[in-house]
Protein backbone atom coordinates (compact mmCIF):
# COMPACT_ATOMS: atom_id res chain seq x y z
CA HIS A 1 -6.37 -21.85 -14.34
CA ASP A 2 -8.16 -18.65 -15.36
CA THR A 3 -5.11 -17.48 -17.33
CA ALA A 4 -4.84 -20.80 -19.13
CA ARG A 5 -8.56 -20.69 -19.95
CA PHE A 6 -8.30 -17.13 -21.23
CA LEU A 7 -5.36 -17.97 -23.51
CA THR A 8 -7.18 -21.01 -24.87
CA GLU A 9 -10.49 -19.26 -25.48
CA HIS A 10 -9.36 -15.84 -26.68
CA ALA A 11 -5.87 -16.32 -28.09
CA GLY A 12 -6.17 -19.82 -29.47
CA VAL A 13 -3.18 -20.98 -27.41
CA LYS A 14 -3.87 -24.35 -25.84
CA VAL A 15 -2.05 -24.46 -22.54
CA THR A 16 -2.72 -25.89 -19.10
CA ALA A 17 -2.15 -24.26 -15.72
CA GLY A 18 0.71 -26.69 -15.13
CA GLY A 19 2.23 -25.75 -18.47
CA LEU A 20 2.15 -22.08 -17.54
CA THR A 21 3.80 -22.85 -14.22
CA GLN A 22 6.62 -24.72 -15.98
CA LEU A 23 6.97 -21.89 -18.49
CA PHE A 24 7.46 -19.34 -15.74
CA ALA A 25 9.88 -21.65 -13.91
CA ARG A 26 12.05 -21.91 -17.04
CA LEU A 27 11.80 -18.17 -17.57
CA ALA A 28 13.00 -17.58 -14.01
CA VAL A 29 16.17 -19.58 -14.72
CA ARG A 30 16.88 -17.51 -17.82
CA LEU A 31 16.32 -14.25 -15.95
CA ARG A 32 18.78 -14.88 -13.12
CA PRO A 33 21.97 -13.70 -14.86
CA VAL A 34 20.16 -10.61 -16.15
CA VAL A 35 18.87 -9.79 -12.66
CA ALA A 36 22.35 -10.30 -11.19
CA GLU A 37 23.74 -7.92 -13.83
CA ILE A 38 21.16 -5.29 -12.90
CA LYS A 39 22.03 -5.51 -9.21
CA ARG A 40 25.78 -5.25 -9.89
CA ALA A 41 25.23 -2.23 -12.10
CA ALA A 42 22.97 -0.58 -9.52
CA LEU A 43 25.67 -0.74 -6.85
CA SER A 44 28.05 1.18 -9.10
CA LEU A 45 25.72 4.19 -9.45
CA ASP A 46 26.10 7.52 -7.63
CA TYR A 47 22.75 7.24 -5.85
CA LEU A 48 19.88 4.80 -5.38
CA HIS A 49 16.30 5.05 -4.13
CA LEU A 50 15.03 2.45 -1.65
CA ASP A 51 11.51 1.59 -0.56
CA GLU A 52 9.36 -1.38 0.42
CA THR A 53 5.71 -2.43 0.53
CA GLY A 54 3.70 -5.37 1.80
CA TRP A 55 3.33 -8.55 -0.28
CA TYR A 56 1.44 -11.73 0.59
CA GLN A 57 2.82 -15.21 -0.09
CA SER A 58 0.29 -17.98 0.59
CA GLY A 59 -1.61 -15.49 2.73
CA VAL A 60 1.41 -14.65 4.91
CA LEU A 61 2.73 -11.10 4.92
CA ARG A 62 6.09 -10.65 3.25
CA TRP A 63 7.84 -7.51 2.03
CA LEU A 64 8.56 -6.46 -1.52
CA TRP A 65 11.76 -4.41 -1.47
CA LEU A 66 12.87 -2.07 -4.22
CA VAL A 67 16.19 -0.55 -5.22
CA SER A 68 15.52 2.03 -7.91
CA HIS A 69 17.16 4.58 -10.21
CA PRO A 70 16.01 6.33 -13.40
CA SER A 71 18.02 3.72 -15.34
CA MET A 72 17.01 0.51 -13.52
CA SER A 73 14.82 -1.23 -10.92
CA TYR A 74 15.65 -4.20 -8.70
CA PHE A 75 12.93 -6.01 -6.71
CA HIS A 76 13.30 -8.58 -3.94
CA VAL A 77 10.73 -10.39 -1.76
CA HIS A 78 11.69 -11.25 1.82
CA GLU A 79 9.88 -12.29 4.97
CA SER A 80 11.62 -9.54 6.94
CA ARG A 81 11.42 -5.78 6.84
CA GLY A 82 14.60 -5.51 8.87
CA ARG A 83 17.95 -3.83 8.49
CA GLU A 84 19.74 -6.97 7.35
CA VAL A 85 17.59 -7.12 4.20
CA ALA A 86 18.28 -3.50 3.26
CA ARG A 87 22.00 -4.01 3.89
CA GLY A 88 21.98 -7.13 1.71
CA LEU A 89 20.38 -5.23 -1.14
CA LEU A 90 23.14 -2.63 -0.94
CA THR A 91 26.06 -5.05 -0.58
CA ASN A 92 27.98 -6.45 -3.55
CA GLU A 93 29.46 -9.90 -4.08
CA ALA A 94 32.69 -8.78 -2.37
CA ASP A 95 30.67 -7.87 0.75
CA GLU A 96 31.23 -4.15 0.15
CA LEU A 97 28.50 -1.69 1.07
CA PHE A 98 27.13 0.69 -1.56
CA ALA A 99 29.42 3.72 -1.73
CA GLY A 100 26.87 6.12 -3.21
CA ILE A 101 23.97 7.97 -1.61
CA ALA A 102 20.77 6.21 -0.52
CA VAL A 103 17.65 8.31 -1.10
CA THR A 104 14.98 7.06 1.32
CA ASP A 105 12.11 7.95 3.58
CA PHE A 106 12.66 8.20 7.34
CA TYR A 107 12.11 4.50 8.11
CA ALA A 108 14.45 3.59 10.97
CA VAL A 109 16.02 0.66 9.08
CA TYR A 110 17.57 3.10 6.63
CA ARG A 111 18.49 5.65 9.28
CA TYR A 112 20.55 3.27 11.36
CA MET A 113 22.61 1.58 8.65
CA GLU A 114 26.22 2.38 9.52
CA GLY A 115 28.51 3.47 6.73
CA LEU A 116 25.74 4.59 4.38
CA ASP A 117 25.39 8.15 3.07
CA HIS A 118 21.82 9.48 3.00
CA GLN A 119 19.44 11.88 1.38
CA TYR A 120 16.11 11.83 3.17
CA CYS A 121 12.87 12.49 1.35
CA TRP A 122 11.54 16.00 1.84
CA PRO A 123 7.99 15.30 0.55
CA HIS A 124 7.59 12.68 3.29
CA LEU A 125 8.31 15.32 5.91
CA VAL A 126 6.10 17.87 4.17
CA ARG A 127 3.22 15.37 4.09
CA GLU A 128 3.57 14.78 7.83
CA ALA A 129 3.50 18.53 8.43
CA ARG A 130 0.45 18.90 6.19
CA LYS A 131 -1.28 16.10 8.10
CA LEU A 132 -0.78 18.08 11.32
CA VAL A 133 -2.50 21.04 9.67
CA ASP A 134 -5.38 18.88 8.44
CA ILE A 135 -5.94 17.22 11.81
CA GLU A 136 -5.06 20.03 14.19
CA GLY A 137 -5.15 23.16 12.08
CA GLY A 138 -3.88 26.26 13.82
CA PRO A 139 -1.34 29.07 13.50
CA LEU A 140 1.59 26.98 14.79
CA THR A 141 1.15 24.00 12.48
CA GLU A 142 0.34 26.24 9.49
CA ARG A 143 3.39 28.43 10.09
CA PHE A 144 5.63 25.38 10.36
CA LEU A 145 4.25 23.89 7.13
CA VAL A 146 4.52 27.12 5.12
CA THR A 147 8.10 27.71 6.28
CA LEU A 148 9.13 24.11 5.62
CA VAL A 149 7.71 24.16 2.08
CA SER A 150 9.40 27.49 1.38
CA ILE A 151 12.78 26.16 2.50
CA TYR A 152 12.31 23.03 0.38
CA HIS A 153 11.54 24.91 -2.83
CA ASP A 154 14.28 27.47 -2.24
CA GLY A 155 16.68 24.62 -1.52
CA LYS A 156 15.96 22.99 -4.88
CA ARG A 157 16.66 26.30 -6.60
CA ALA A 158 19.85 26.75 -4.57
CA GLN A 159 21.00 23.26 -5.63
CA ASP A 160 21.27 24.49 -9.22
CA SER A 161 23.09 27.64 -8.19
CA GLU A 162 26.84 28.10 -7.90
CA ASP A 163 26.23 30.57 -5.09
CA ARG A 164 27.52 28.92 -1.91
CA GLY A 165 25.91 31.70 0.11
CA ARG A 166 22.45 30.66 -1.03
CA ARG A 167 23.08 27.08 0.01
CA HIS A 168 24.41 28.22 3.38
CA GLY A 169 21.29 30.33 3.80
CA ILE A 170 19.11 27.21 3.37
CA ARG A 171 21.05 25.45 6.12
CA VAL A 172 20.63 28.44 8.43
CA ARG A 173 16.88 28.70 7.77
CA LEU A 174 16.29 25.01 8.37
CA GLY A 175 18.28 25.17 11.60
CA ARG A 176 16.23 28.13 12.81
CA LEU A 177 12.98 26.35 11.99
CA ALA A 178 14.07 23.31 13.98
CA ALA A 179 15.10 25.48 16.93
CA ASP A 180 12.02 27.75 17.05
CA LYS A 181 10.76 27.35 20.62
CA LYS A 182 7.48 29.13 19.88
CA LEU A 183 6.57 26.41 17.39
CA ALA A 184 7.73 23.67 19.76
CA VAL A 185 4.74 24.39 22.01
CA HIS A 186 2.78 22.14 19.67
CA PRO A 187 3.81 18.51 20.37
CA GLY A 188 3.39 17.38 16.76
CA VAL A 189 5.56 20.20 15.47
CA ALA A 190 8.09 19.57 18.23
CA ARG A 191 8.40 15.95 17.07
CA LEU A 192 9.18 17.03 13.50
CA GLN A 193 11.59 19.69 14.76
CA HIS A 194 13.44 17.01 16.69
CA ARG A 195 13.73 14.91 13.53
CA ILE A 196 15.13 17.86 11.59
CA ARG A 197 17.73 18.56 14.27
CA ASP A 198 18.85 14.93 14.21
CA LEU A 199 18.93 14.56 10.43
CA LYS A 200 19.58 18.08 9.15
CA ARG A 201 22.87 17.23 7.42
CA GLU A 202 21.40 14.18 5.66
CA MET A 203 18.30 16.12 4.63
CA LEU A 204 20.48 18.69 2.86
CA THR A 205 22.93 16.38 1.09
CA PHE A 206 21.31 17.34 -2.22
CA LEU A 207 22.36 20.98 -1.88
CA ASP A 208 25.97 20.25 -2.87
CA ILE A 209 25.34 17.50 -5.44
CA PRO A 210 23.73 18.66 -8.71
CA GLY A 211 21.15 16.18 -9.95
CA LEU A 212 20.69 14.37 -6.64
CA PRO A 213 16.94 14.11 -5.91
CA ALA A 214 15.66 15.49 -2.62
CA ASP A 215 12.66 13.16 -2.81
CA ASN A 216 11.96 9.43 -3.06
CA ASN A 217 9.35 9.83 -5.80
CA GLN A 218 11.23 7.54 -8.18
CA ALA A 219 10.83 4.55 -5.86
CA GLU A 220 7.18 5.35 -5.15
CA ARG A 221 6.41 5.49 -8.88
CA ASP A 222 8.18 2.18 -9.50
CA LEU A 223 6.36 0.46 -6.64
CA ARG A 224 3.01 1.55 -8.07
CA TYR A 225 3.14 -1.25 -10.66
CA ALA A 226 3.58 -3.84 -7.89
CA VAL A 227 0.79 -2.28 -5.83
CA ILE A 228 -1.59 -2.58 -8.79
CA LEU A 229 -0.51 -6.20 -9.31
CA ARG A 230 -1.12 -6.85 -5.61
CA LYS A 231 -4.67 -5.53 -5.87
CA LEU A 232 -5.49 -7.51 -9.01
CA SER A 233 -4.11 -10.90 -7.98
CA PHE A 234 -3.77 -13.37 -5.13
CA GLN A 235 -0.06 -12.50 -5.22
CA THR A 236 2.23 -15.55 -4.86
CA ARG A 237 2.15 -19.00 -3.25
CA SER A 238 5.79 -20.07 -2.91
CA ASP A 239 9.34 -18.79 -2.58
CA ARG A 240 9.96 -19.69 -6.21
CA GLY A 241 6.85 -17.83 -7.30
CA SER A 242 7.83 -14.74 -5.30
CA ARG A 243 11.31 -14.75 -6.76
CA THR A 244 10.00 -15.17 -10.30
CA MET A 245 7.55 -12.31 -9.81
CA ALA A 246 10.28 -10.04 -8.38
CA ASP A 247 12.68 -10.93 -11.19
CA MET A 248 10.02 -10.26 -13.82
CA LEU A 249 9.32 -6.85 -12.30
CA THR A 250 13.07 -6.18 -12.21
CA VAL A 251 13.58 -7.03 -15.87
CA SER A 252 10.36 -5.48 -17.21
CA GLN A 253 10.85 -2.14 -15.44
CA THR A 254 14.54 -1.96 -16.30
CA ALA A 255 13.77 -2.78 -19.94
CA ARG A 256 11.21 0.02 -20.01
CA LYS A 257 13.70 2.49 -18.56
CA GLN A 258 16.34 1.35 -21.07
CA ASP A 259 13.86 1.62 -23.99
CA VAL A 260 14.32 -2.09 -24.72
CA PRO A 261 11.19 -3.92 -26.04
CA LEU A 262 10.46 -6.64 -23.50
CA ALA A 263 9.08 -9.46 -25.67
CA PRO A 264 12.00 -9.53 -28.15
CA PHE A 265 14.44 -9.36 -25.26
CA LEU A 266 12.85 -12.38 -23.54
CA ALA A 267 12.91 -14.24 -26.85
CA SER A 268 16.62 -13.46 -27.21
CA LEU A 269 17.24 -14.94 -23.75
CA ASP A 270 15.67 -18.21 -24.85
CA ASP A 271 17.59 -18.19 -28.13
CA ALA A 272 20.90 -17.59 -26.32
CA ARG A 273 20.27 -20.50 -23.98
CA CYS A 274 19.40 -22.85 -26.84
CA ARG A 275 22.58 -21.87 -28.69
CA GLY A 276 24.77 -22.12 -25.59
CA ARG A 277 25.62 -18.43 -25.63
CA ALA A 278 25.85 -15.89 -22.83
CA PRO A 279 22.55 -14.06 -22.22
CA PRO A 280 22.24 -10.62 -23.82
CA GLY A 281 22.78 -7.57 -21.64
CA LEU A 282 19.93 -5.27 -20.75
CA LEU A 283 21.87 -2.25 -19.51
CA GLY A 284 24.00 0.31 -21.24
CA THR A 285 21.52 1.64 -23.76
CA ARG A 286 20.91 4.83 -21.75
């Protein structure tokens, strides 16, 4: 109602709340083939970022999932935060799991997906180590943090090097940090050491793949738009509304990344439908 009133009073567009609802419902139908195209294209890439955040539908907590890449974004709202949702996002129409590398945080759902190659987010681990320093500052936590950050930065430099010895040295240093019994006296450090021992190989996937991010910053940046929307609205009230919102985020963010002006693209979708033509593609301009 407020949106309809604003458009009437300030833009001279006479529209009712019901009219806006119908407009968005029709837009959702036009977006579906574009969204399906984006998901298909995503699953053909070499790597993808994944993340999720809370989203309320009629006051009930749901989850807004994101599959992201510098060239595209794909959003999906689901009532579950479980493994089956993440697997569905990474499975194509032929029921084949994504063959590239999933760049994620350490959330257990991602860790225990069989058949998926990983690159875990180093800044997440660094932030946990820094939190230990902030809460329980002392020589053990500070030494662990400084060493971890040093290995991370040296690892990113080694990634761009053709020197296999440098990359091997990063693996050795991380292994020694995880096995340092003097640091393990601190229970918080010991917990992070245990994680490194379990996931060392997947934390260092980036070393041998030029261009592969060692962080999940791309997904966190893309989710920021949804987080702002969540703070400024009552979010959604129905499954259809949630899907429309997710599809709009998918198309708007992908259009931005592809340098495609959004308004003309949406107009071209409507024109194609009226003329009985296939909808225009959004990908392939980068």
